[in-house]
């Protein structure tokens, strides 16, 4: 990890980014990762990959839930 500074805003710290990604922003948190001075370049790529995997998993879950709901509603 790059140097962590107390003057870095909470939303640029890794824990803040994880919380925002999971509960609020989803893939829209990618700019936070890339602009964060507290995350190394390698960490940025790892974070990006994790967010992409998380987003694909959520999309698949919604698609699967819709298929189940539609199959239940059909007579």
PDB file of N, CA and C in Angstrom:
ATOM      1  N   UNK A   1       0.824  -1.181   0.000  1.00  0.00           N
ATOM      2  CA  UNK A   1       0.000   0.000   0.000  1.00  0.00           C
ATOM      3  C   UNK A   1       0.865   1.240   0.000  1.00  0.00           C
ATOM      4  N   UNK A   2       0.358   2.261  -0.579  1.00  0.00           N
ATOM      5  CA  UNK A   2       1.061   3.538  -0.550  1.00  0.00           C
ATOM      6  C   UNK A   2       0.939   4.133   0.846  1.00  0.00           C
ATOM      7  N   UNK A   3       1.643   5.210   1.084  1.00  0.00           N
ATOM      8  CA  UNK A   3       1.604   5.825   2.394  1.00  0.00           C
ATOM      9  C   UNK A   3       0.196   6.287   2.736  1.00  0.00           C
ATOM     10  N   UNK A   4      -0.212   5.983   3.963  1.00  0.00           N
ATOM     11  CA  UNK A   4      -1.492   6.449   4.441  1.00  0.00           C
ATOM     12  C   UNK A   4      -1.259   7.721   5.239  1.00  0.00           C
ATOM     13  N   UNK A   5      -2.016   8.736   4.950  1.00  0.00           N
ATOM     14  CA  UNK A   5      -1.858  10.019   5.609  1.00  0.00           C
ATOM     15  C   UNK A   5      -3.149  10.332   6.338  1.00  0.00           C
ATOM     16  N   UNK A   6      -3.042  10.917   7.528  1.00  0.00           N
ATOM     17  CA  UNK A   6      -4.228  11.261   8.300  1.00  0.00           C
ATOM     18  C   UNK A   6      -5.057  12.340   7.611  1.00  0.00           C
ATOM     19  N   UNK A   7      -4.462  13.071   6.706  1.00  0.00           N
ATOM     20  CA  UNK A   7      -5.186  14.129   6.008  1.00  0.00           C
ATOM     21  C   UNK A   7      -5.991  13.602   4.834  1.00  0.00           C
ATOM     22  N   UNK A   8      -5.905  12.316   4.544  1.00  0.00           N
ATOM     23  CA  UNK A   8      -6.680  11.719   3.456  1.00  0.00           C
ATOM     24  C   UNK A   8      -8.129  11.592   3.923  1.00  0.00           C
ATOM     25  N   UNK A   9      -9.054  12.004   3.076  1.00  0.00           N
ATOM     26  CA  UNK A   9     -10.473  11.924   3.424  1.00  0.00           C
ATOM     27  C   UNK A   9     -10.887  10.465   3.650  1.00  0.00           C
ATOM     28  N   UNK A  10     -11.890  10.267   4.475  1.00  0.00           N
ATOM     29  CA  UNK A  10     -12.318   8.908   4.820  1.00  0.00           C
ATOM     30  C   UNK A  10     -12.735   8.121   3.589  1.00  0.00           C
ATOM     31  N   UNK A  11     -13.304   8.776   2.592  1.00  0.00           N
ATOM     32  CA  UNK A  11     -13.765   8.069   1.395  1.00  0.00           C
ATOM     33  C   UNK A  11     -12.633   7.743   0.427  1.00  0.00           C
ATOM     34  N   UNK A  12     -11.417   8.153   0.741  1.00  0.00           N
ATOM     35  CA  UNK A  12     -10.257   7.753  -0.056  1.00  0.00           C
ATOM     36  C   UNK A  12      -9.432   6.675   0.645  1.00  0.00           C
ATOM     37  N   UNK A  13      -9.824   6.327   1.847  1.00  0.00           N
ATOM     38  CA  UNK A  13      -9.149   5.238   2.560  1.00  0.00           C
ATOM     39  C   UNK A  13      -9.765   3.911   2.124  1.00  0.00           C
ATOM     40  N   UNK A  14      -8.984   2.843   2.125  1.00  0.00           N
ATOM     41  CA  UNK A  14      -9.490   1.546   1.643  1.00  0.00           C
ATOM     42  C   UNK A  14     -10.772   1.074   2.332  1.00  0.00           C
ATOM     43  N   UNK A  15     -10.877   1.241   3.640  1.00  0.00           N
ATOM     44  CA  UNK A  15     -12.081   0.785   4.341  1.00  0.00           C
ATOM     45  C   UNK A  15     -13.297   1.590   3.891  1.00  0.00           C
ATOM     46  N   UNK A  16     -13.131   2.885   3.737  1.00  0.00           N
ATOM     47  CA  UNK A  16     -14.234   3.719   3.271  1.00  0.00           C
ATOM     48  C   UNK A  16     -14.681   3.345   1.870  1.00  0.00           C
ATOM     49  N   UNK A  17     -13.736   3.034   1.017  1.00  0.00           N
ATOM     50  CA  UNK A  17     -14.066   2.643  -0.355  1.00  0.00           C
ATOM     51  C   UNK A  17     -14.817   1.319  -0.366  1.00  0.00           C
ATOM     52  N   UNK A  18     -14.397   0.375   0.461  1.00  0.00           N
ATOM     53  CA  UNK A  18     -15.082  -0.926   0.526  1.00  0.00           C
ATOM     54  C   UNK A  18     -16.520  -0.742   1.001  1.00  0.00           C
ATOM     55  N   UNK A  19     -16.720   0.054   2.044  1.00  0.00           N
ATOM     56  CA  UNK A  19     -18.073   0.282   2.564  1.00  0.00           C
ATOM     57  C   UNK A  19     -18.950   0.945   1.498  1.00  0.00           C
ATOM     58  N   UNK A  20     -18.430   1.974   0.849  1.00  0.00           N
ATOM     59  CA  UNK A  20     -19.202   2.649  -0.195  1.00  0.00           C
ATOM     60  C   UNK A  20     -19.507   1.721  -1.364  1.00  0.00           C
ATOM     61  N   UNK A  21     -18.553   0.883  -1.724  1.00  0.00           N
ATOM     62  CA  UNK A  21     -18.759  -0.036  -2.842  1.00  0.00           C
ATOM     63  C   UNK A  21     -19.848  -1.053  -2.524  1.00  0.00           C
ATOM     64  N   UNK A  22     -19.783  -1.645  -1.359  1.00  0.00           N
ATOM     65  CA  UNK A  22     -20.725  -2.707  -1.006  1.00  0.00           C
ATOM     66  C   UNK A  22     -22.138  -2.205  -0.747  1.00  0.00           C
ATOM     67  N   UNK A  23     -22.273  -1.025  -0.139  1.00  0.00           N
ATOM     68  CA  UNK A  23     -23.592  -0.604   0.329  1.00  0.00           C
ATOM     69  C   UNK A  23     -24.197   0.579  -0.415  1.00  0.00           C
ATOM     70  N   UNK A  24     -23.404   1.333  -1.162  1.00  0.00           N
ATOM     71  CA  UNK A  24     -23.948   2.544  -1.761  1.00  0.00           C
ATOM     72  C   UNK A  24     -23.684   2.625  -3.264  1.00  0.00           C
ATOM     73  N   UNK A  25     -22.443   2.654  -3.663  1.00  0.00           N
ATOM     74  CA  UNK A  25     -22.093   3.036  -5.021  1.00  0.00           C
ATOM     75  C   UNK A  25     -21.925   1.892  -6.012  1.00  0.00           C
ATOM     76  N   UNK A  26     -21.487   0.743  -5.549  1.00  0.00           N
ATOM     77  CA  UNK A  26     -21.216  -0.354  -6.477  1.00  0.00           C
ATOM     78  C   UNK A  26     -20.100   0.031  -7.439  1.00  0.00           C
ATOM     79  N   UNK A  27     -20.304  -0.173  -8.734  1.00  0.00           N
ATOM     80  CA  UNK A  27     -19.234   0.113  -9.701  1.00  0.00           C
ATOM     81  C   UNK A  27     -18.924   1.604  -9.838  1.00  0.00           C
ATOM     82  N   UNK A  28     -19.796   2.453  -9.335  1.00  0.00           N
ATOM     83  CA  UNK A  28     -19.533   3.894  -9.408  1.00  0.00           C
ATOM     84  C   UNK A  28     -18.429   4.330  -8.444  1.00  0.00           C
ATOM     85  N   UNK A  29     -17.933   3.409  -7.646  1.00  0.00           N
ATOM     86  CA  UNK A  29     -16.834   3.741  -6.730  1.00  0.00           C
ATOM     87  C   UNK A  29     -15.460   3.580  -7.379  1.00  0.00           C
ATOM     88  N   UNK A  30     -15.405   3.170  -8.620  1.00  0.00           N
ATOM     89  CA  UNK A  30     -14.113   3.018  -9.304  1.00  0.00           C
ATOM     90  C   UNK A  30     -13.289   4.314  -9.323  1.00  0.00           C
ATOM     91  N   UNK A  31     -13.888   5.476  -9.568  1.00  0.00           N
ATOM     92  CA  UNK A  31     -13.073   6.704  -9.517  1.00  0.00           C
ATOM     93  C   UNK A  31     -12.454   6.960  -8.141  1.00  0.00           C
ATOM     94  N   UNK A  32     -13.125   6.529  -7.078  1.00  0.00           N
ATOM     95  CA  UNK A  32     -12.547   6.694  -5.736  1.00  0.00           C
ATOM     96  C   UNK A  32     -11.266   5.888  -5.598  1.00  0.00           C
ATOM     97  N   UNK A  33     -11.263   4.689  -6.169  1.00  0.00           N
ATOM     98  CA  UNK A  33     -10.058   3.860  -6.102  1.00  0.00           C
ATOM     99  C   UNK A  33      -8.925   4.510  -6.881  1.00  0.00           C
ATOM    100  N   UNK A  34      -9.222   4.968  -8.078  1.00  0.00           N
ATOM    101  CA  UNK A  34      -8.170   5.484  -8.938  1.00  0.00           C
ATOM    102  C   UNK A  34      -7.663   6.851  -8.511  1.00  0.00           C
ATOM    103  N   UNK A  35      -8.427   7.594  -7.731  1.00  0.00           N
ATOM    104  CA  UNK A  35      -7.973   8.905  -7.260  1.00  0.00           C
ATOM    105  C   UNK A  35      -7.438   8.877  -5.836  1.00  0.00           C
ATOM    106  N   UNK A  36      -7.496   7.741  -5.198  1.00  0.00           N
ATOM    107  CA  UNK A  36      -7.068   7.639  -3.812  1.00  0.00           C
ATOM    108  C   UNK A  36      -5.547   7.640  -3.691  1.00  0.00           C
ATOM    109  N   UNK A  37      -5.011   8.560  -2.887  1.00  0.00           N
ATOM    110  CA  UNK A  37      -3.561   8.553  -2.666  1.00  0.00           C
ATOM    111  C   UNK A  37      -3.120   7.463  -1.688  1.00  0.00           C
ATOM    112  N   UNK A  38      -4.075   6.820  -1.009  1.00  0.00           N
ATOM    113  CA  UNK A  38      -3.749   5.803  -0.014  1.00  0.00           C
ATOM    114  C   UNK A  38      -3.638   4.402  -0.602  1.00  0.00           C
ATOM    115  N   UNK A  39      -3.885   4.247  -1.897  1.00  0.00           N
ATOM    116  CA  UNK A  39      -3.853   2.934  -2.527  1.00  0.00           C
ATOM    117  C   UNK A  39      -2.765   2.922  -3.597  1.00  0.00           C
ATOM    118  N   UNK A  40      -1.954   1.872  -3.574  1.00  0.00           N
ATOM    119  CA  UNK A  40      -0.868   1.729  -4.552  1.00  0.00           C
ATOM    120  C   UNK A  40      -1.434   1.383  -5.928  1.00  0.00           C
ATOM    121  N   UNK A  41      -0.645   1.538  -6.975  1.00  0.00           N
ATOM    122  CA  UNK A  41      -1.127   1.162  -8.315  1.00  0.00           C
ATOM    123  C   UNK A  41      -1.552  -0.310  -8.409  1.00  0.00           C
ATOM    124  N   UNK A  42      -0.808  -1.175  -7.774  1.00  0.00           N
ATOM    125  CA  UNK A  42      -1.194  -2.600  -7.777  1.00  0.00           C
ATOM    126  C   UNK A  42      -2.530  -2.794  -7.057  1.00  0.00           C
ATOM    127  N   UNK A  43      -2.703  -2.094  -5.938  1.00  0.00           N
ATOM    128  CA  UNK A  43      -3.956  -2.155  -5.198  1.00  0.00           C
ATOM    129  C   UNK A  43      -5.131  -1.618  -5.990  1.00  0.00           C
ATOM    130  N   UNK A  44      -4.860  -0.621  -6.823  1.00  0.00           N
ATOM    131  CA  UNK A  44      -5.920  -0.068  -7.673  1.00  0.00           C
ATOM    132  C   UNK A  44      -6.410  -1.099  -8.675  1.00  0.00           C
ATOM    133  N   UNK A  45      -5.479  -1.837  -9.269  1.00  0.00           N
ATOM    134  CA  UNK A  45      -5.874  -2.873 -10.226  1.00  0.00           C
ATOM    135  C   UNK A  45      -6.619  -4.013  -9.530  1.00  0.00           C
ATOM    136  N   UNK A  46      -6.150  -4.389  -8.361  1.00  0.00           N
ATOM    137  CA  UNK A  46      -6.837  -5.451  -7.606  1.00  0.00           C
ATOM    138  C   UNK A  46      -8.235  -4.992  -7.208  1.00  0.00           C
ATOM    139  N   UNK A  47      -8.350  -3.770  -6.718  1.00  0.00           N
ATOM    140  CA  UNK A  47      -9.659  -3.228  -6.356  1.00  0.00           C
ATOM    141  C   UNK A  47     -10.604  -3.153  -7.535  1.00  0.00           C
ATOM    142  N   UNK A  48     -10.075  -2.750  -8.681  1.00  0.00           N
ATOM    143  CA  UNK A  48     -10.893  -2.680  -9.892  1.00  0.00           C
ATOM    144  C   UNK A  48     -11.405  -4.067 -10.271  1.00  0.00           C
ATOM    145  N   UNK A  49     -10.527  -5.052 -10.224  1.00  0.00           N
ATOM    146  CA  UNK A  49     -10.936  -6.420 -10.560  1.00  0.00           C
ATOM    147  C   UNK A  49     -12.002  -6.924  -9.591  1.00  0.00           C
ATOM    148  N   UNK A  50     -11.839  -6.646  -8.309  1.00  0.00           N
ATOM    149  CA  UNK A  50     -12.825  -7.092  -7.319  1.00  0.00           C
ATOM    150  C   UNK A  50     -14.176  -6.419  -7.538  1.00  0.00           C
ATOM    151  N   UNK A  51     -14.164  -5.141  -7.864  1.00  0.00           N
ATOM    152  CA  UNK A  51     -15.420  -4.433  -8.113  1.00  0.00           C
ATOM    153  C   UNK A  51     -16.107  -4.969  -9.360  1.00  0.00           C
ATOM    154  N   UNK A  52     -15.336  -5.293 -10.388  1.00  0.00           N
ATOM    155  CA  UNK A  52     -15.923  -5.859 -11.604  1.00  0.00           C
ATOM    156  C   UNK A  52     -16.551  -7.217 -11.293  1.00  0.00           C
ATOM    157  N   UNK A  53     -15.861  -8.049 -10.541  1.00  0.00           N
ATOM    158  CA  UNK A  53     -16.414  -9.358 -10.168  1.00  0.00           C
ATOM    159  C   UNK A  53     -17.676  -9.187  -9.335  1.00  0.00           C
ATOM    160  N   UNK A  54     -17.650  -8.264  -8.383  1.00  0.00           N
ATOM    161  CA  UNK A  54     -18.815  -7.981  -7.529  1.00  0.00           C
ATOM    162  C   UNK A  54     -19.998  -7.517  -8.379  1.00  0.00           C
ATOM    163  N   UNK A  55     -19.747  -6.645  -9.333  1.00  0.00           N
ATOM    164  CA  UNK A  55     -20.805  -6.125 -10.186  1.00  0.00           C
ATOM    165  C   UNK A  55     -21.402  -7.219 -11.060  1.00  0.00           C
ATOM    166  N   UNK A  56     -20.564  -8.046 -11.640  1.00  0.00           N
ATOM    167  CA  UNK A  56     -21.062  -9.154 -12.467  1.00  0.00           C
ATOM    168  C   UNK A  56     -21.890 -10.119 -11.621  1.00  0.00           C
ATOM    169  N   UNK A  57     -21.445 -10.397 -10.402  1.00  0.00           N
ATOM    170  CA  UNK A  57     -22.200 -11.282  -9.511  1.00  0.00           C
ATOM    171  C   UNK A  57     -23.567 -10.686  -9.178  1.00  0.00           C
ATOM    172  N   UNK A  58     -23.626  -9.391  -8.921  1.00  0.00           N
ATOM    173  CA  UNK A  58     -24.912  -8.756  -8.636  1.00  0.00           C
ATOM    174  C   UNK A  58     -25.847  -8.790  -9.843  1.00  0.00           C
ATOM    175  N   UNK A  59     -25.307  -8.531 -11.016  1.00  0.00           N
ATOM    176  CA  UNK A  59     -26.131  -8.578 -12.231  1.00  0.00           C
ATOM    177  C   UNK A  59     -26.677  -9.988 -12.441  1.00  0.00           C
ATOM    178  N   UNK A  60     -25.831 -10.998 -12.230  1.00  0.00           N
ATOM    179  CA  UNK A  60     -26.288 -12.377 -12.383  1.00  0.00           C
ATOM    180  C   UNK A  60     -27.369 -12.702 -11.353  1.00  0.00           C
ATOM    181  N   UNK A  61     -27.202 -12.243 -10.123  1.00  0.00           N
ATOM    182  CA  UNK A  61     -28.204 -12.498  -9.072  1.00  0.00           C
ATOM    183  C   UNK A  61     -29.552 -11.883  -9.438  1.00  0.00           C
ATOM    184  N   UNK A  62     -29.549 -10.665  -9.941  1.00  0.00           N
ATOM    185  CA  UNK A  62     -30.796 -10.010 -10.337  1.00  0.00           C
ATOM    186  C   UNK A  62     -31.431 -10.758 -11.503  1.00  0.00           C
ATOM    187  N   UNK A  63     -30.636 -11.142 -12.487  1.00  0.00           N
ATOM    188  CA  UNK A  63     -31.168 -11.896 -13.624  1.00  0.00           C
ATOM    189  C   UNK A  63     -31.794 -13.208 -13.164  1.00  0.00           C
ATOM    190  N   UNK A  64     -31.096 -13.932 -12.281  1.00  0.00           N
ATOM    191  CA  UNK A  64     -31.593 -15.210 -11.783  1.00  0.00           C
ATOM    192  C   UNK A  64     -32.882 -15.015 -10.989  1.00  0.00           C
ATOM    193  N   UNK A  65     -32.935 -13.985 -10.145  1.00  0.00           N
ATOM    194  CA  UNK A  65     -34.143 -13.710  -9.359  1.00  0.00           C
ATOM    195  C   UNK A  65     -35.329 -13.369 -10.267  1.00  0.00           C
ATOM    196  N   UNK A  66     -35.068 -12.641 -11.330  1.00  0.00           N
ATOM    197  CA  UNK A  66     -36.138 -12.309 -12.278  1.00  0.00           C
ATOM    198  C   UNK A  66     -36.645 -13.563 -12.979  1.00  0.00           C
ATOM    199  N   UNK A  67     -35.759 -14.454 -13.340  1.00  0.00           N
ATOM    200  CA  UNK A  67     -36.176 -15.703 -13.986  1.00  0.00           C
ATOM    201  C   UNK A  67     -37.042 -16.537 -13.048  1.00  0.00           C
ATOM    202  N   UNK A  68     -36.665 -16.608 -11.793  1.00  0.00           N
ATOM    203  CA  UNK A  68     -37.445 -17.357 -10.807  1.00  0.00           C
ATOM    204  C   UNK A  68     -38.808 -16.700 -10.608  1.00  0.00           C
ATOM    205  N   UNK A  69     -38.822 -15.373 -10.469  1.00  0.00           N
ATOM    206  CA  UNK A  69     -40.080 -14.655 -10.268  1.00  0.00           C
ATOM    207  C   UNK A  69     -41.004 -14.831 -11.466  1.00  0.00           C
ATOM    208  N   UNK A  70     -40.476 -14.749 -12.671  1.00  0.00           N
ATOM    209  CA  UNK A  70     -41.302 -14.924 -13.865  1.00  0.00           C
ATOM    210  C   UNK A  70     -41.836 -16.354 -13.981  1.00  0.00           C
ATOM    211  N   UNK A  71     -41.034 -17.322 -13.599  1.00  0.00           N
ATOM    212  CA  UNK A  71     -41.500 -18.704 -13.680  1.00  0.00           C
ATOM    213  C   UNK A  71     -42.585 -18.981 -12.635  1.00  0.00           C
ATOM    214  N   UNK A  72     -42.544 -18.316 -11.517  1.00  0.00           N
ATOM    215  CA  UNK A  72     -43.577 -18.490 -10.489  1.00  0.00           C
ATOM    216  C   UNK A  72     -44.878 -17.819 -10.917  1.00  0.00           C
ATOM    217  N   UNK A  73     -44.788 -16.678 -11.588  1.00  0.00           N
ATOM    218  CA  UNK A  73     -45.967 -15.925 -11.971  1.00  0.00           C
ATOM    219  C   UNK A  73     -46.708 -16.549 -13.153  1.00  0.00           C
ATOM    220  N   UNK A  74     -46.050 -17.355 -13.931  1.00  0.00           N
ATOM    221  CA  UNK A  74     -46.719 -17.947 -15.088  1.00  0.00           C
ATOM    222  C   UNK A  74     -47.613 -19.093 -14.638  1.00  0.00           C
ATOM    223  N   UNK A  75     -48.826 -19.161 -15.214  1.00  0.00           N
ATOM    224  CA  UNK A  75     -49.772 -20.234 -14.781  1.00  0.00           C
ATOM    225  C   UNK A  75     -49.382 -21.591 -15.294  1.00  0.00           C
TER     226      UNK A  75
END
